[in-house]
Amino acid sequence: MKESDNSSFDWITEEWFRRVRQNQHIHYRCADYFARLNRMLGLPTIAFSTIVGTAIFASIERDASGWLRIFIGLISISAAVLASLQTFLGYSERSEKHRITSARYAAIRRQLELVRSIPIDNEKYERELASIKQAMDSTAESAPQVPQKITKKVTQTLEEISLPQKSLVP
């Protein structure tokens, strides 16, 4: 293998490492983001459902006044709307998909780190690169969509703390 081939392999593994690391962080951030949105919908849903249940139970004990009935009705409608939104938006499922995708990118990143320890002229190196490419393609194909604002924020953060160019060279 020629020296120019070695520099090409160095470049591609560095570039792939950068992309995989970025995608790993982006999807972890998305998982946290959607989990937080799920909690923001879930907690009021639980609270409103509890209030309605308690209020209905209390109104059975005594005849509820007109304003209490309206209040219970509004909270009941709010609880139903929030529960429907929580189901429709599927934040918990989206969070889990991003967590799984991020874990896949983390595994690919570790595989890239390991490959960097193999001499470039070794035939195993090229087989490993082909395997990594396949894993990257498969993961990217099945990855859930990422909000642009998260991509921008993670990219900016990683650029600020970026690793030195040849940090992975043994």
C-alpha atoms as a PDB file:
ATOM      1  CA  MET A   1       0.000   0.000   0.000  1.00  0.00           C
ATOM      2  CA  LYS A   2       1.359   3.422  -0.937  1.00  0.00           C
ATOM      3  CA  GLU A   3       1.888   6.266   1.537  1.00  0.00           C
ATOM      4  CA  SER A   4      -0.827   8.312  -0.209  1.00  0.00           C
ATOM      5  CA  ASP A   5      -3.262   5.469   0.477  1.00  0.00           C
ATOM      6  CA  ASN A   6      -2.336   5.639   4.159  1.00  0.00           C
ATOM      7  CA  SER A   7      -3.120   9.342   4.356  1.00  0.00           C
ATOM      8  CA  SER A   8      -6.474   8.696   2.665  1.00  0.00           C
ATOM      9  CA  PHE A   9      -7.289   6.059   5.255  1.00  0.00           C
ATOM     10  CA  ASP A  10      -6.164   8.405   8.032  1.00  0.00           C
ATOM     11  CA  TRP A  11      -8.391  11.135   6.677  1.00  0.00           C
ATOM     12  CA  ILE A  12     -11.451   8.900   6.247  1.00  0.00           C
ATOM     13  CA  THR A  13     -11.202   7.409   9.735  1.00  0.00           C
ATOM     14  CA  GLU A  14     -10.799  10.884  11.252  1.00  0.00           C
ATOM     15  CA  GLU A  15     -13.763  12.200   9.251  1.00  0.00           C
ATOM     16  CA  TRP A  16     -15.939   9.212  10.108  1.00  0.00           C
ATOM     17  CA  PHE A  17     -14.978   9.517  13.769  1.00  0.00           C
ATOM     18  CA  ARG A  18     -15.975  13.194  13.743  1.00  0.00           C
ATOM     19  CA  ARG A  19     -19.347  12.453  12.109  1.00  0.00           C
ATOM     20  CA  VAL A  20     -20.119   9.477  14.334  1.00  0.00           C
ATOM     21  CA  ARG A  21     -19.191  11.422  17.469  1.00  0.00           C
ATOM     22  CA  GLN A  22     -21.376  14.328  16.378  1.00  0.00           C
ATOM     23  CA  ASN A  23     -24.349  12.062  15.593  1.00  0.00           C
ATOM     24  CA  GLN A  24     -23.921  10.230  18.882  1.00  0.00           C
ATOM     25  CA  HIS A  25     -24.118  13.510  20.807  1.00  0.00           C
ATOM     26  CA  ILE A  26     -26.995  14.825  18.699  1.00  0.00           C
ATOM     27  CA  HIS A  27     -29.123  11.744  19.307  1.00  0.00           C
ATOM     28  CA  TYR A  28     -28.332  11.673  23.044  1.00  0.00           C
ATOM     29  CA  ARG A  29     -29.419  15.323  23.198  1.00  0.00           C
ATOM     30  CA  CYS A  30     -32.605  14.472  21.264  1.00  0.00           C
ATOM     31  CA  ALA A  31     -33.357  11.597  23.641  1.00  0.00           C
ATOM     32  CA  ASP A  32     -33.092  13.989  26.593  1.00  0.00           C
ATOM     33  CA  TYR A  33     -35.136  16.645  24.791  1.00  0.00           C
ATOM     34  CA  PHE A  34     -38.041  14.330  23.965  1.00  0.00           C
ATOM     35  CA  ALA A  35     -37.966  12.748  27.430  1.00  0.00           C
ATOM     36  CA  ARG A  36     -38.265  16.248  28.910  1.00  0.00           C
ATOM     37  CA  LEU A  37     -41.202  17.076  26.605  1.00  0.00           C
ATOM     38  CA  ASN A  38     -42.867  13.811  27.608  1.00  0.00           C
ATOM     39  CA  ARG A  39     -42.543  14.759  31.290  1.00  0.00           C
ATOM     40  CA  MET A  40     -43.866  18.261  30.585  1.00  0.00           C
ATOM     41  CA  LEU A  41     -47.043  16.728  29.150  1.00  0.00           C
ATOM     42  CA  GLY A  42     -47.219  13.742  31.468  1.00  0.00           C
ATOM     43  CA  LEU A  43     -46.995  15.465  34.829  1.00  0.00           C
ATOM     44  CA  PRO A  44     -49.901  17.879  34.235  1.00  0.00           C
ATOM     45  CA  THR A  45     -51.921  14.994  32.802  1.00  0.00           C
ATOM     46  CA  ILE A  46     -51.406  13.007  35.976  1.00  0.00           C
ATOM     47  CA  ALA A  47     -52.166  16.023  38.172  1.00  0.00           C
ATOM     48  CA  PHE A  48     -55.326  16.980  36.280  1.00  0.00           C
ATOM     49  CA  SER A  49     -56.590  13.392  36.186  1.00  0.00           C
ATOM     50  CA  THR A  50     -56.013  13.100  39.923  1.00  0.00           C
ATOM     51  CA  ILE A  51     -57.824  16.381  40.615  1.00  0.00           C
ATOM     52  CA  VAL A  52     -60.782  15.350  38.451  1.00  0.00           C
ATOM     53  CA  GLY A  53     -60.992  11.928  40.073  1.00  0.00           C
ATOM     54  CA  THR A  54     -60.850  13.406  43.566  1.00  0.00           C
ATOM     55  CA  ALA A  55     -63.324  16.167  42.702  1.00  0.00           C
ATOM     56  CA  ILE A  56     -65.802  13.705  41.221  1.00  0.00           C
ATOM     57  CA  PHE A  57     -65.483  11.504  44.281  1.00  0.00           C
ATOM     58  CA  ALA A  58     -66.000  14.544  46.555  1.00  0.00           C
ATOM     59  CA  SER A  59     -69.001  15.767  44.541  1.00  0.00           C
ATOM     60  CA  ILE A  60     -70.682  12.409  45.040  1.00  0.00           C
ATOM     61  CA  GLU A  61     -70.530  13.065  48.767  1.00  0.00           C
ATOM     62  CA  ARG A  62     -72.305  16.402  48.427  1.00  0.00           C
ATOM     63  CA  ASP A  63     -73.983  18.287  45.663  1.00  0.00           C
ATOM     64  CA  ALA A  64     -71.347  20.370  43.835  1.00  0.00           C
ATOM     65  CA  SER A  65     -71.989  24.041  43.161  1.00  0.00           C
ATOM     66  CA  GLY A  66     -72.124  25.416  39.611  1.00  0.00           C
ATOM     67  CA  TRP A  67     -68.601  26.893  39.615  1.00  0.00           C
ATOM     68  CA  LEU A  68     -67.125  23.647  40.955  1.00  0.00           C
ATOM     69  CA  ARG A  69     -68.813  21.672  38.174  1.00  0.00           C
ATOM     70  CA  ILE A  70     -67.382  24.071  35.575  1.00  0.00           C
ATOM     71  CA  PHE A  71     -63.920  23.851  37.153  1.00  0.00           C
ATOM     72  CA  ILE A  72     -64.058  20.043  37.238  1.00  0.00           C
ATOM     73  CA  GLY A  73     -65.288  19.992  33.647  1.00  0.00           C
ATOM     74  CA  LEU A  74     -62.442  22.250  32.434  1.00  0.00           C
ATOM     75  CA  ILE A  75     -59.804  20.207  34.228  1.00  0.00           C
ATOM     76  CA  SER A  76     -61.349  17.000  32.913  1.00  0.00           C
ATOM     77  CA  ILE A  77     -61.195  18.334  29.344  1.00  0.00           C
ATOM     78  CA  SER A  78     -57.610  19.519  29.912  1.00  0.00           C
ATOM     79  CA  ALA A  79     -56.578  16.093  31.195  1.00  0.00           C
ATOM     80  CA  ALA A  80     -58.145  14.396  28.180  1.00  0.00           C
ATOM     81  CA  VAL A  81     -56.468  16.816  25.744  1.00  0.00           C
ATOM     82  CA  LEU A  82     -53.053  16.416  27.403  1.00  0.00           C
ATOM     83  CA  ALA A  83     -53.365  12.621  27.433  1.00  0.00           C
ATOM     84  CA  SER A  84     -54.320  12.669  23.755  1.00  0.00           C
ATOM     85  CA  LEU A  85     -51.390  14.956  22.903  1.00  0.00           C
ATOM     86  CA  GLN A  86     -49.012  12.750  24.838  1.00  0.00           C
ATOM     87  CA  THR A  87     -50.172   9.722  22.847  1.00  0.00           C
ATOM     88  CA  PHE A  88     -50.273  11.527  19.500  1.00  0.00           C
ATOM     89  CA  LEU A  89     -46.862  13.214  19.812  1.00  0.00           C
ATOM     90  CA  GLY A  90     -45.189  10.039  21.103  1.00  0.00           C
ATOM     91  CA  TYR A  91     -42.371  11.824  22.900  1.00  0.00           C
ATOM     92  CA  SER A  92     -41.409   8.794  24.994  1.00  0.00           C
ATOM     93  CA  GLU A  93     -41.125   6.595  21.889  1.00  0.00           C
ATOM     94  CA  ARG A  94     -39.144   9.263  20.062  1.00  0.00           C
ATOM     95  CA  SER A  95     -36.829   9.636  23.043  1.00  0.00           C
ATOM     96  CA  GLU A  96     -36.189   5.894  23.102  1.00  0.00           C
ATOM     97  CA  LYS A  97     -35.471   5.778  19.340  1.00  0.00           C
ATOM     98  CA  HIS A  98     -32.906   8.553  19.708  1.00  0.00           C
ATOM     99  CA  ARG A  99     -31.324   6.817  22.708  1.00  0.00           C
ATOM    100  CA  ILE A 100     -30.961   3.588  20.700  1.00  0.00           C
ATOM    101  CA  THR A 101     -29.536   5.457  17.703  1.00  0.00           C
ATOM    102  CA  SER A 102     -27.053   7.261  19.925  1.00  0.00           C
ATOM    103  CA  ALA A 103     -25.955   3.966  21.475  1.00  0.00           C
ATOM    104  CA  ARG A 104     -25.404   2.557  17.970  1.00  0.00           C
ATOM    105  CA  TYR A 105     -23.260   5.543  17.050  1.00  0.00           C
ATOM    106  CA  ALA A 106     -21.302   5.096  20.288  1.00  0.00           C
ATOM    107  CA  ALA A 107     -20.597   1.468  19.338  1.00  0.00           C
ATOM    108  CA  ILE A 108     -19.428   2.566  15.879  1.00  0.00           C
ATOM    109  CA  ARG A 109     -17.192   5.208  17.475  1.00  0.00           C
ATOM    110  CA  ARG A 110     -15.585   2.579  19.704  1.00  0.00           C
ATOM    111  CA  GLN A 111     -15.099   0.335  16.672  1.00  0.00           C
ATOM    112  CA  LEU A 112     -13.385   3.223  14.848  1.00  0.00           C
ATOM    113  CA  GLU A 113     -11.126   3.804  17.848  1.00  0.00           C
ATOM    114  CA  LEU A 114     -10.145   0.142  17.774  1.00  0.00           C
ATOM    115  CA  VAL A 115      -9.527   0.178  14.015  1.00  0.00           C
ATOM    116  CA  ARG A 116      -7.126   3.077  14.460  1.00  0.00           C
ATOM    117  CA  SER A 117      -4.888   0.732  16.456  1.00  0.00           C
ATOM    118  CA  ILE A 118      -4.551  -1.689  13.513  1.00  0.00           C
ATOM    119  CA  PRO A 119      -1.681  -1.000  11.086  1.00  0.00           C
ATOM    120  CA  ILE A 120      -3.108   0.471   7.889  1.00  0.00           C
ATOM    121  CA  ASP A 121      -1.326  -2.033   5.670  1.00  0.00           C
ATOM    122  CA  ASN A 122      -3.072  -4.906   7.454  1.00  0.00           C
ATOM    123  CA  GLU A 123      -5.898  -6.480   5.398  1.00  0.00           C
ATOM    124  CA  LYS A 124      -8.049  -6.556   8.543  1.00  0.00           C
ATOM    125  CA  TYR A 125      -8.019  -2.738   8.493  1.00  0.00           C
ATOM    126  CA  GLU A 126      -9.852  -2.576   5.172  1.00  0.00           C
ATOM    127  CA  ARG A 127     -12.391  -5.238   6.248  1.00  0.00           C
ATOM    128  CA  GLU A 128     -13.054  -3.319   9.448  1.00  0.00           C
ATOM    129  CA  LEU A 129     -13.526  -0.074   7.528  1.00  0.00           C
ATOM    130  CA  ALA A 130     -16.048  -1.789   5.251  1.00  0.00           C
ATOM    131  CA  SER A 131     -17.886  -3.094   8.315  1.00  0.00           C
ATOM    132  CA  ILE A 132     -17.897   0.362   9.904  1.00  0.00           C
ATOM    133  CA  LYS A 133     -19.209   1.951   6.699  1.00  0.00           C
ATOM    134  CA  GLN A 134     -22.037  -0.581   6.611  1.00  0.00           C
ATOM    135  CA  ALA A 135     -22.894   0.105  10.271  1.00  0.00           C
ATOM    136  CA  MET A 136     -22.830   3.878   9.689  1.00  0.00           C
ATOM    137  CA  ASP A 137     -25.077   3.576   6.626  1.00  0.00           C
ATOM    138  CA  SER A 138     -27.534   1.298   8.418  1.00  0.00           C
ATOM    139  CA  THR A 139     -27.678   3.509  11.505  1.00  0.00           C
ATOM    140  CA  ALA A 140     -28.137   6.695   9.478  1.00  0.00           C
ATOM    141  CA  GLU A 141     -30.897   5.057   7.425  1.00  0.00           C
ATOM    142  CA  SER A 142     -32.884   4.022  10.499  1.00  0.00           C
ATOM    143  CA  ALA A 143     -32.171   7.150  12.560  1.00  0.00           C
ATOM    144  CA  PRO A 144     -35.144   9.284  13.581  1.00  0.00           C
ATOM    145  CA  GLN A 145     -35.343  12.873  12.368  1.00  0.00           C
ATOM    146  CA  VAL A 146     -33.446  15.410  14.449  1.00  0.00           C
ATOM    147  CA  PRO A 147     -34.682  18.950  15.189  1.00  0.00           C
ATOM    148  CA  GLN A 148     -32.391  21.479  13.458  1.00  0.00           C
ATOM    149  CA  LYS A 149     -31.893  23.524  16.626  1.00  0.00           C
ATOM    150  CA  ILE A 150     -30.377  20.509  18.398  1.00  0.00           C
ATOM    151  CA  THR A 151     -28.048  19.776  15.485  1.00  0.00           C
ATOM    152  CA  LYS A 152     -26.824  23.375  15.467  1.00  0.00           C
ATOM    153  CA  LYS A 153     -26.275  23.498  19.221  1.00  0.00           C
ATOM    154  CA  VAL A 154     -24.414  20.180  19.424  1.00  0.00           C
ATOM    155  CA  THR A 155     -22.295  20.982  16.366  1.00  0.00           C
ATOM    156  CA  GLN A 156     -21.316  24.334  17.840  1.00  0.00           C
ATOM    157  CA  THR A 157     -20.473  22.790  21.220  1.00  0.00           C
ATOM    158  CA  LEU A 158     -18.356  20.038  19.657  1.00  0.00           C
ATOM    159  CA  GLU A 159     -16.488  22.544  17.499  1.00  0.00           C
ATOM    160  CA  GLU A 160     -15.656  24.560  20.604  1.00  0.00           C
ATOM    161  CA  ILE A 161     -14.233  21.531  22.411  1.00  0.00           C
ATOM    162  CA  SER A 162     -12.976  19.662  19.338  1.00  0.00           C
ATOM    163  CA  LEU A 163     -10.254  17.101  19.670  1.00  0.00           C
ATOM    164  CA  PRO A 164      -6.859  17.819  18.137  1.00  0.00           C
ATOM    165  CA  GLN A 165      -6.663  16.702  14.486  1.00  0.00           C
ATOM    166  CA  LYS A 166      -4.509  13.597  15.119  1.00  0.00           C
ATOM    167  CA  SER A 167      -5.830  12.688  18.566  1.00  0.00           C
ATOM    168  CA  LEU A 168      -6.537   9.080  17.629  1.00  0.00           C
ATOM    169  CA  VAL A 169      -3.165   8.255  16.120  1.00  0.00           C
ATOM    170  CA  PRO A 170      -1.419   5.686  18.348  1.00  0.00           C
END
